[in-house]
Amino acid sequence: MLKASERQILSELERDALVLDVGGGAQPFRRADWVIDIMEYGHRGLYGDPPAPELERFGPATWVTRDICLREPWPFEDRQFDFAICSHTLEDVRDPIYVCDEMIRVARAGYVEVPSRLEEQSYGFQGPWTGWGHHRWLIDLDEDELTFVFKHHVVERDGDHFTPEFHAALSSEQRVHRLWWEGGFRYGERVFLEGAGLDAYLQDFVTAQAPGSTPPVGRRTRFKRPRGPSAQADPRQ
């Protein structure tokens, strides 16, 4: 998670706000009261700071170990949480649509952070391939809508990705999409049935960008306890 976003969350959450970290097992957000992740509590902190129980608000009793994509409701009540954090998880999982469904059901507001296409369509920063090798999705952000596109192997073709030099010039902010949501947000999968459509989707984005480009940023509102029904999923086929 970007440090600026972490600071904003910590500064705006009320002391008694109930917080859920969705998929944060490898680097759990210490302010979270609950965590739901496929990793077990004892394995937390794989990529982040070492476990520090004295600094963590969650504990073994509020750590739910499960597959968050399993199409069964998470073990939480509707709107149980004041705030949900889902940082660098949706691009990893097989069913981000269901994760968004449940996140909006159980929380009143939240923060989502995912890699931008500037990052995910860049070649060579992790190895001799495009983007992160374990990521399943390219993700677009338009206002309060996340759109997921399966990361086809054709992204390895010349013209479908950026150079390592392009990636090296990106700022930390350009490498991610940030969505602050309240009450709900829109989301769906975009499916290309024709190769020409996918080709244009990949190539036109690369052609249109320059090292100084900035990806769109979702609504950034001060956190407050929201009211009203959640937004409905808006899948695009």
C-alpha atoms as a PDB file:
ATOM      1  CA  MET A   1       0.000   0.000   0.000  1.00  0.00           C
ATOM      2  CA  LEU A   2       1.186   3.512  -0.743  1.00  0.00           C
ATOM      3  CA  LYS A   3       2.452   5.218   2.405  1.00  0.00           C
ATOM      4  CA  ALA A   4       0.332   8.287   1.636  1.00  0.00           C
ATOM      5  CA  SER A   5      -2.808   6.134   1.562  1.00  0.00           C
ATOM      6  CA  GLU A   6      -1.828   4.393   4.784  1.00  0.00           C
ATOM      7  CA  ARG A   7      -1.362   7.738   6.505  1.00  0.00           C
ATOM      8  CA  GLN A   8      -4.710   8.995   5.239  1.00  0.00           C
ATOM      9  CA  ILE A   9      -6.552   5.904   6.426  1.00  0.00           C
ATOM     10  CA  LEU A  10      -4.963   6.069   9.871  1.00  0.00           C
ATOM     11  CA  SER A  11      -5.666   9.787  10.233  1.00  0.00           C
ATOM     12  CA  GLU A  12      -9.329   9.583   9.186  1.00  0.00           C
ATOM     13  CA  LEU A  13     -10.518   6.407  10.889  1.00  0.00           C
ATOM     14  CA  GLU A  14     -12.337   6.932  14.143  1.00  0.00           C
ATOM     15  CA  ARG A  15     -10.793   5.194  17.113  1.00  0.00           C
ATOM     16  CA  ASP A  16     -13.682   2.757  17.443  1.00  0.00           C
ATOM     17  CA  ALA A  17     -14.128   2.076  13.702  1.00  0.00           C
ATOM     18  CA  LEU A  18     -14.224  -1.647  12.952  1.00  0.00           C
ATOM     19  CA  VAL A  19     -11.777  -2.462  10.124  1.00  0.00           C
ATOM     20  CA  LEU A  20     -11.426  -5.551   7.922  1.00  0.00           C
ATOM     21  CA  ASP A  21      -8.326  -6.393   5.875  1.00  0.00           C
ATOM     22  CA  VAL A  22      -9.325  -8.470   2.831  1.00  0.00           C
ATOM     23  CA  GLY A  23      -6.523 -10.685   1.563  1.00  0.00           C
ATOM     24  CA  GLY A  24      -3.819  -9.000   3.597  1.00  0.00           C
ATOM     25  CA  GLY A  25      -2.207 -12.090   5.081  1.00  0.00           C
ATOM     26  CA  ALA A  26       1.204 -11.558   3.531  1.00  0.00           C
ATOM     27  CA  GLN A  27       1.345  -7.993   4.848  1.00  0.00           C
ATOM     28  CA  PRO A  28      -1.620  -7.360   7.163  1.00  0.00           C
ATOM     29  CA  PHE A  29      -2.695  -3.839   8.006  1.00  0.00           C
ATOM     30  CA  ARG A  30      -1.975  -3.574  11.717  1.00  0.00           C
ATOM     31  CA  ARG A  31      -4.901  -1.222  12.343  1.00  0.00           C
ATOM     32  CA  ALA A  32      -7.301  -3.916  11.073  1.00  0.00           C
ATOM     33  CA  ASP A  33      -9.517  -5.538  13.696  1.00  0.00           C
ATOM     34  CA  TRP A  34     -10.178  -8.555  11.471  1.00  0.00           C
ATOM     35  CA  VAL A  35      -8.285 -10.224   8.612  1.00  0.00           C
ATOM     36  CA  ILE A  36      -9.641 -12.699   6.075  1.00  0.00           C
ATOM     37  CA  ASP A  37      -7.046 -14.511   3.960  1.00  0.00           C
ATOM     38  CA  ILE A  38      -6.072 -17.937   2.669  1.00  0.00           C
ATOM     39  CA  MET A  39      -2.890 -17.736   4.762  1.00  0.00           C
ATOM     40  CA  GLU A  40      -3.019 -18.783   8.393  1.00  0.00           C
ATOM     41  CA  TYR A  41      -2.437 -16.344  11.247  1.00  0.00           C
ATOM     42  CA  GLY A  42       0.946 -17.862  12.092  1.00  0.00           C
ATOM     43  CA  HIS A  43       2.205 -17.291   8.538  1.00  0.00           C
ATOM     44  CA  ARG A  44       1.365 -13.587   8.366  1.00  0.00           C
ATOM     45  CA  GLY A  45       3.954 -11.025   7.340  1.00  0.00           C
ATOM     46  CA  LEU A  46       5.457 -13.022   4.483  1.00  0.00           C
ATOM     47  CA  TYR A  47       6.233  -9.880   2.454  1.00  0.00           C
ATOM     48  CA  GLY A  48       6.017  -7.150   5.061  1.00  0.00           C
ATOM     49  CA  ASP A  49       7.230  -6.372   8.534  1.00  0.00           C
ATOM     50  CA  PRO A  50       7.653  -9.339  10.871  1.00  0.00           C
ATOM     51  CA  PRO A  51       4.662 -10.137  13.091  1.00  0.00           C
ATOM     52  CA  ALA A  52       4.322  -7.852  16.099  1.00  0.00           C
ATOM     53  CA  PRO A  53       1.307  -8.905  18.193  1.00  0.00           C
ATOM     54  CA  GLU A  54       1.764  -5.966  20.529  1.00  0.00           C
ATOM     55  CA  LEU A  55       1.128  -3.569  17.590  1.00  0.00           C
ATOM     56  CA  GLU A  56      -1.677  -5.518  15.907  1.00  0.00           C
ATOM     57  CA  ARG A  57      -5.364  -4.958  16.676  1.00  0.00           C
ATOM     58  CA  PHE A  58      -6.332  -8.308  15.150  1.00  0.00           C
ATOM     59  CA  GLY A  59      -5.388 -11.631  16.703  1.00  0.00           C
ATOM     60  CA  PRO A  60      -5.920 -15.376  16.259  1.00  0.00           C
ATOM     61  CA  ALA A  61      -9.587 -15.051  17.213  1.00  0.00           C
ATOM     62  CA  THR A  62     -10.253 -12.392  14.568  1.00  0.00           C
ATOM     63  CA  TRP A  63      -8.213 -13.949  11.769  1.00  0.00           C
ATOM     64  CA  VAL A  64     -10.388 -15.908   9.322  1.00  0.00           C
ATOM     65  CA  THR A  65      -8.453 -18.428   7.214  1.00  0.00           C
ATOM     66  CA  ARG A  66     -10.349 -19.219   4.048  1.00  0.00           C
ATOM     67  CA  ASP A  67     -10.437 -18.973   0.273  1.00  0.00           C
ATOM     68  CA  ILE A  68     -12.033 -15.544  -0.252  1.00  0.00           C
ATOM     69  CA  CYS A  69     -13.174 -16.589  -3.755  1.00  0.00           C
ATOM     70  CA  LEU A  70     -15.174 -19.550  -2.507  1.00  0.00           C
ATOM     71  CA  ARG A  71     -18.721 -18.703  -3.483  1.00  0.00           C
ATOM     72  CA  GLU A  72     -20.062 -18.890   0.022  1.00  0.00           C
ATOM     73  CA  PRO A  73     -20.739 -15.764   2.094  1.00  0.00           C
ATOM     74  CA  TRP A  74     -17.887 -14.636   4.291  1.00  0.00           C
ATOM     75  CA  PRO A  75     -18.645 -15.237   7.990  1.00  0.00           C
ATOM     76  CA  PHE A  76     -19.630 -11.617   8.628  1.00  0.00           C
ATOM     77  CA  GLU A  77     -22.923  -9.764   8.866  1.00  0.00           C
ATOM     78  CA  ASP A  78     -24.079  -7.192   6.329  1.00  0.00           C
ATOM     79  CA  ARG A  79     -22.330  -3.865   6.975  1.00  0.00           C
ATOM     80  CA  GLN A  80     -20.548  -5.300   9.981  1.00  0.00           C
ATOM     81  CA  PHE A  81     -17.425  -3.239   9.273  1.00  0.00           C
ATOM     82  CA  ASP A  82     -16.984   0.494   9.060  1.00  0.00           C
ATOM     83  CA  PHE A  83     -14.047   0.182   6.664  1.00  0.00           C
ATOM     84  CA  ALA A  84     -12.491  -2.532   4.504  1.00  0.00           C
ATOM     85  CA  ILE A  85      -8.980  -2.518   3.049  1.00  0.00           C
ATOM     86  CA  CYS A  86      -8.155  -4.581  -0.027  1.00  0.00           C
ATOM     87  CA  SER A  87      -4.622  -3.775  -1.123  1.00  0.00           C
ATOM     88  CA  HIS A  88      -2.867  -5.705  -3.910  1.00  0.00           C
ATOM     89  CA  THR A  89      -5.200  -8.677  -3.696  1.00  0.00           C
ATOM     90  CA  LEU A  90      -7.783  -8.421  -6.496  1.00  0.00           C
ATOM     91  CA  GLU A  91      -5.163  -8.860  -9.232  1.00  0.00           C
ATOM     92  CA  ASP A  92      -4.067 -12.153  -7.635  1.00  0.00           C
ATOM     93  CA  VAL A  93      -7.323 -13.990  -7.113  1.00  0.00           C
ATOM     94  CA  ARG A  94      -9.340 -16.086  -9.562  1.00  0.00           C
ATOM     95  CA  ASP A  95     -12.666 -14.349  -8.850  1.00  0.00           C
ATOM     96  CA  PRO A  96     -12.254 -10.653  -8.028  1.00  0.00           C
ATOM     97  CA  ILE A  97     -15.924 -10.063  -8.849  1.00  0.00           C
ATOM     98  CA  TYR A  98     -17.085 -12.192  -5.923  1.00  0.00           C
ATOM     99  CA  VAL A  99     -14.533 -10.576  -3.619  1.00  0.00           C
ATOM    100  CA  CYS A 100     -15.940  -7.157  -4.533  1.00  0.00           C
ATOM    101  CA  ASP A 101     -19.478  -8.501  -3.954  1.00  0.00           C
ATOM    102  CA  GLU A 102     -18.653  -9.605  -0.447  1.00  0.00           C
ATOM    103  CA  MET A 103     -16.487  -6.619   0.438  1.00  0.00           C
ATOM    104  CA  ILE A 104     -19.352  -4.242  -0.352  1.00  0.00           C
ATOM    105  CA  ARG A 105     -21.804  -6.453   1.515  1.00  0.00           C
ATOM    106  CA  VAL A 106     -19.836  -6.568   4.769  1.00  0.00           C
ATOM    107  CA  ALA A 107     -18.362  -3.039   4.841  1.00  0.00           C
ATOM    108  CA  ARG A 108     -19.731   0.483   4.690  1.00  0.00           C
ATOM    109  CA  ALA A 109     -16.690   2.059   3.045  1.00  0.00           C
ATOM    110  CA  GLY A 110     -13.153   1.154   2.104  1.00  0.00           C
ATOM    111  CA  TYR A 111      -9.986   1.458   0.093  1.00  0.00           C
ATOM    112  CA  VAL A 112      -8.840  -0.637  -2.862  1.00  0.00           C
ATOM    113  CA  GLU A 113      -5.336  -0.551  -4.331  1.00  0.00           C
ATOM    114  CA  VAL A 114      -4.270  -2.554  -7.394  1.00  0.00           C
ATOM    115  CA  PRO A 115      -1.467  -2.315  -9.965  1.00  0.00           C
ATOM    116  CA  SER A 116      -2.153   0.113 -12.777  1.00  0.00           C
ATOM    117  CA  ARG A 117      -1.796  -0.976 -16.379  1.00  0.00           C
ATOM    118  CA  LEU A 118       1.295   1.214 -16.600  1.00  0.00           C
ATOM    119  CA  GLU A 119       2.864  -1.258 -14.184  1.00  0.00           C
ATOM    120  CA  GLU A 120       1.213  -4.482 -15.301  1.00  0.00           C
ATOM    121  CA  GLN A 121       1.961  -3.873 -18.991  1.00  0.00           C
ATOM    122  CA  SER A 122       5.639  -3.104 -18.368  1.00  0.00           C
ATOM    123  CA  TYR A 123       8.238  -5.670 -19.299  1.00  0.00           C
ATOM    124  CA  GLY A 124      11.223  -6.930 -17.377  1.00  0.00           C
ATOM    125  CA  PHE A 125      11.017  -5.459 -13.864  1.00  0.00           C
ATOM    126  CA  GLN A 126      10.394  -8.818 -12.149  1.00  0.00           C
ATOM    127  CA  GLY A 127      11.895 -11.129 -14.760  1.00  0.00           C
ATOM    128  CA  PRO A 128      11.900 -11.739 -18.530  1.00  0.00           C
ATOM    129  CA  TRP A 129       8.133 -11.310 -18.799  1.00  0.00           C
ATOM    130  CA  THR A 130       5.476  -8.600 -18.660  1.00  0.00           C
ATOM    131  CA  GLY A 131       4.123  -7.392 -15.338  1.00  0.00           C
ATOM    132  CA  TRP A 132       4.059  -9.594 -12.256  1.00  0.00           C
ATOM    133  CA  GLY A 133       4.234 -13.268 -13.131  1.00  0.00           C
ATOM    134  CA  HIS A 134       1.563 -14.349 -10.639  1.00  0.00           C
ATOM    135  CA  HIS A 135      -1.053 -11.716 -11.516  1.00  0.00           C
ATOM    136  CA  ARG A 136      -4.181 -12.863 -13.360  1.00  0.00           C
ATOM    137  CA  TRP A 137      -5.766  -9.550 -14.362  1.00  0.00           C
ATOM    138  CA  LEU A 138      -5.226  -6.216 -16.061  1.00  0.00           C
ATOM    139  CA  ILE A 139      -7.334  -3.659 -14.212  1.00  0.00           C
ATOM    140  CA  ASP A 140      -8.778  -0.371 -15.411  1.00  0.00           C
ATOM    141  CA  LEU A 141     -10.142   2.324 -13.106  1.00  0.00           C
ATOM    142  CA  ASP A 142     -12.645   4.890 -14.355  1.00  0.00           C
ATOM    143  CA  GLU A 143     -14.028   7.116 -11.605  1.00  0.00           C
ATOM    144  CA  ASP A 144     -15.555   4.558  -9.196  1.00  0.00           C
ATOM    145  CA  GLU A 145     -15.555   1.577 -11.576  1.00  0.00           C
ATOM    146  CA  LEU A 146     -13.014  -1.250 -11.647  1.00  0.00           C
ATOM    147  CA  THR A 147     -12.905  -3.343 -14.822  1.00  0.00           C
ATOM    148  CA  PHE A 148     -11.013  -6.634 -14.912  1.00  0.00           C
ATOM    149  CA  VAL A 149      -9.522  -8.029 -18.135  1.00  0.00           C
ATOM    150  CA  PHE A 150      -7.930 -11.471 -18.153  1.00  0.00           C
ATOM    151  CA  LYS A 151      -4.174 -11.086 -18.627  1.00  0.00           C
ATOM    152  CA  HIS A 152      -3.705 -12.981 -21.886  1.00  0.00           C
ATOM    153  CA  HIS A 153      -0.269 -14.304 -22.771  1.00  0.00           C
ATOM    154  CA  VAL A 154      -0.294 -12.199 -25.932  1.00  0.00           C
ATOM    155  CA  VAL A 155       0.758  -9.295 -23.720  1.00  0.00           C
ATOM    156  CA  GLU A 156       4.295 -10.605 -24.294  1.00  0.00           C
ATOM    157  CA  ARG A 157       4.216  -9.525 -27.957  1.00  0.00           C
ATOM    158  CA  ASP A 158       6.177  -6.499 -29.101  1.00  0.00           C
ATOM    159  CA  GLY A 159       3.889  -3.504 -29.070  1.00  0.00           C
ATOM    160  CA  ASP A 160       1.679  -4.847 -26.279  1.00  0.00           C
ATOM    161  CA  HIS A 161       3.924  -3.796 -23.400  1.00  0.00           C
ATOM    162  CA  PHE A 162       6.171  -1.000 -22.197  1.00  0.00           C
ATOM    163  CA  THR A 163       9.947  -1.175 -21.953  1.00  0.00           C
ATOM    164  CA  PRO A 164      11.888  -1.661 -18.705  1.00  0.00           C
ATOM    165  CA  GLU A 165      13.105   1.925 -19.072  1.00  0.00           C
ATOM    166  CA  PHE A 166       9.514   3.166 -19.186  1.00  0.00           C
ATOM    167  CA  HIS A 167       8.729   1.267 -15.997  1.00  0.00           C
ATOM    168  CA  ALA A 168      11.802   2.592 -14.217  1.00  0.00           C
ATOM    169  CA  ALA A 169      10.590   6.147 -14.826  1.00  0.00           C
ATOM    170  CA  LEU A 170       7.175   5.600 -13.220  1.00  0.00           C
ATOM    171  CA  SER A 171       6.465   7.065  -9.819  1.00  0.00           C
ATOM    172  CA  SER A 172       5.004   4.968  -7.010  1.00  0.00           C
ATOM    173  CA  GLU A 173       1.657   6.698  -7.571  1.00  0.00           C
ATOM    174  CA  GLN A 174       1.669   5.864 -11.283  1.00  0.00           C
ATOM    175  CA  ARG A 175       2.225   2.185 -10.583  1.00  0.00           C
ATOM    176  CA  VAL A 176      -1.107   1.747  -8.807  1.00  0.00           C
ATOM    177  CA  HIS A 177      -4.805   2.510  -9.024  1.00  0.00           C
ATOM    178  CA  ARG A 178      -6.407   3.798  -5.830  1.00  0.00           C
ATOM    179  CA  LEU A 179     -10.131   3.680  -5.171  1.00  0.00           C
ATOM    180  CA  TRP A 180     -11.669   5.212  -2.065  1.00  0.00           C
ATOM    181  CA  TRP A 181     -15.272   4.088  -1.860  1.00  0.00           C
ATOM    182  CA  GLU A 182     -18.251   4.789   0.336  1.00  0.00           C
ATOM    183  CA  GLY A 183     -21.481   2.829   0.169  1.00  0.00           C
ATOM    184  CA  GLY A 184     -20.268   0.817  -2.824  1.00  0.00           C
ATOM    185  CA  PHE A 185     -18.520   0.999  -6.169  1.00  0.00           C
ATOM    186  CA  ARG A 186     -18.967  -0.455  -9.651  1.00  0.00           C
ATOM    187  CA  TYR A 187     -17.009  -3.407 -10.962  1.00  0.00           C
ATOM    188  CA  GLY A 188     -17.110  -6.083 -13.644  1.00  0.00           C
ATOM    189  CA  GLU A 189     -15.167  -8.216 -16.096  1.00  0.00           C
ATOM    190  CA  ARG A 190     -14.609  -7.202 -19.709  1.00  0.00           C
ATOM    191  CA  VAL A 191     -14.409 -10.144 -22.099  1.00  0.00           C
ATOM    192  CA  PHE A 192     -13.003  -9.872 -25.627  1.00  0.00           C
ATOM    193  CA  LEU A 193     -14.615 -12.331 -28.030  1.00  0.00           C
ATOM    194  CA  GLU A 194     -12.577 -11.171 -31.036  1.00  0.00           C
ATOM    195  CA  GLY A 195      -8.790 -11.031 -31.252  1.00  0.00           C
ATOM    196  CA  ALA A 196      -8.888  -7.629 -32.921  1.00  0.00           C
ATOM    197  CA  GLY A 197     -10.604  -6.092 -29.901  1.00  0.00           C
ATOM    198  CA  LEU A 198      -8.012  -7.458 -27.503  1.00  0.00           C
ATOM    199  CA  ASP A 199      -5.185  -6.340 -29.802  1.00  0.00           C
ATOM    200  CA  ALA A 200      -6.523  -2.789 -29.822  1.00  0.00           C
ATOM    201  CA  TYR A 201      -7.067  -2.803 -26.055  1.00  0.00           C
ATOM    202  CA  LEU A 202      -3.425  -3.688 -25.411  1.00  0.00           C
ATOM    203  CA  GLN A 203      -1.681  -1.825 -28.229  1.00  0.00           C
ATOM    204  CA  ASP A 204      -3.655   1.421 -28.144  1.00  0.00           C
ATOM    205  CA  PHE A 205      -2.938   1.831 -24.438  1.00  0.00           C
ATOM    206  CA  VAL A 206       0.806   1.423 -24.964  1.00  0.00           C
ATOM    207  CA  THR A 207       0.820   3.759 -27.973  1.00  0.00           C
ATOM    208  CA  ALA A 208      -1.090   6.470 -26.134  1.00  0.00           C
ATOM    209  CA  GLN A 209       1.074   6.594 -23.021  1.00  0.00           C
ATOM    210  CA  ALA A 210       4.168   8.607 -22.207  1.00  0.00           C
ATOM    211  CA  PRO A 211       6.498   8.325 -19.178  1.00  0.00           C
ATOM    212  CA  GLY A 212       4.814  11.357 -17.595  1.00  0.00           C
ATOM    213  CA  SER A 213       1.307   9.917 -17.842  1.00  0.00           C
ATOM    214  CA  THR A 214      -0.706   9.569 -14.663  1.00  0.00           C
ATOM    215  CA  PRO A 215      -3.322   6.827 -14.271  1.00  0.00           C
ATOM    216  CA  PRO A 216      -6.813   7.813 -13.090  1.00  0.00           C
ATOM    217  CA  VAL A 217      -7.461   7.978  -9.367  1.00  0.00           C
ATOM    218  CA  GLY A 218     -10.752   6.997  -7.767  1.00  0.00           C
ATOM    219  CA  ARG A 219     -12.849   9.269  -5.631  1.00  0.00           C
ATOM    220  CA  ARG A 220     -10.892  10.504  -2.635  1.00  0.00           C
ATOM    221  CA  THR A 221     -13.284  11.502   0.100  1.00  0.00           C
ATOM    222  CA  ARG A 222     -12.690  11.889   3.778  1.00  0.00           C
ATOM    223  CA  PHE A 223     -13.780   8.765   5.594  1.00  0.00           C
ATOM    224  CA  LYS A 224     -17.026   8.993   7.506  1.00  0.00           C
ATOM    225  CA  ARG A 225     -19.562   6.431   8.603  1.00  0.00           C
ATOM    226  CA  PRO A 226     -21.634   6.044   5.433  1.00  0.00           C
ATOM    227  CA  ARG A 227     -25.319   5.254   5.214  1.00  0.00           C
ATOM    228  CA  GLY A 228     -27.572   3.803   2.551  1.00  0.00           C
ATOM    229  CA  PRO A 229     -27.575   0.690   0.359  1.00  0.00           C
ATOM    230  CA  SER A 230     -24.482  -0.580  -1.359  1.00  0.00           C
ATOM    231  CA  ALA A 231     -23.945  -0.258  -5.082  1.00  0.00           C
ATOM    232  CA  GLN A 232     -24.858  -3.223  -7.246  1.00  0.00           C
ATOM    233  CA  ALA A 233     -22.321  -5.116  -9.313  1.00  0.00           C
ATOM    234  CA  ASP A 234     -22.172  -3.959 -12.912  1.00  0.00           C
ATOM    235  CA  PRO A 235     -20.435  -6.793 -14.783  1.00  0.00           C
ATOM    236  CA  ARG A 236     -19.637  -6.066 -18.445  1.00  0.00           C
ATOM    237  CA  GLN A 237     -19.464  -8.987 -20.859  1.00  0.00           C
END
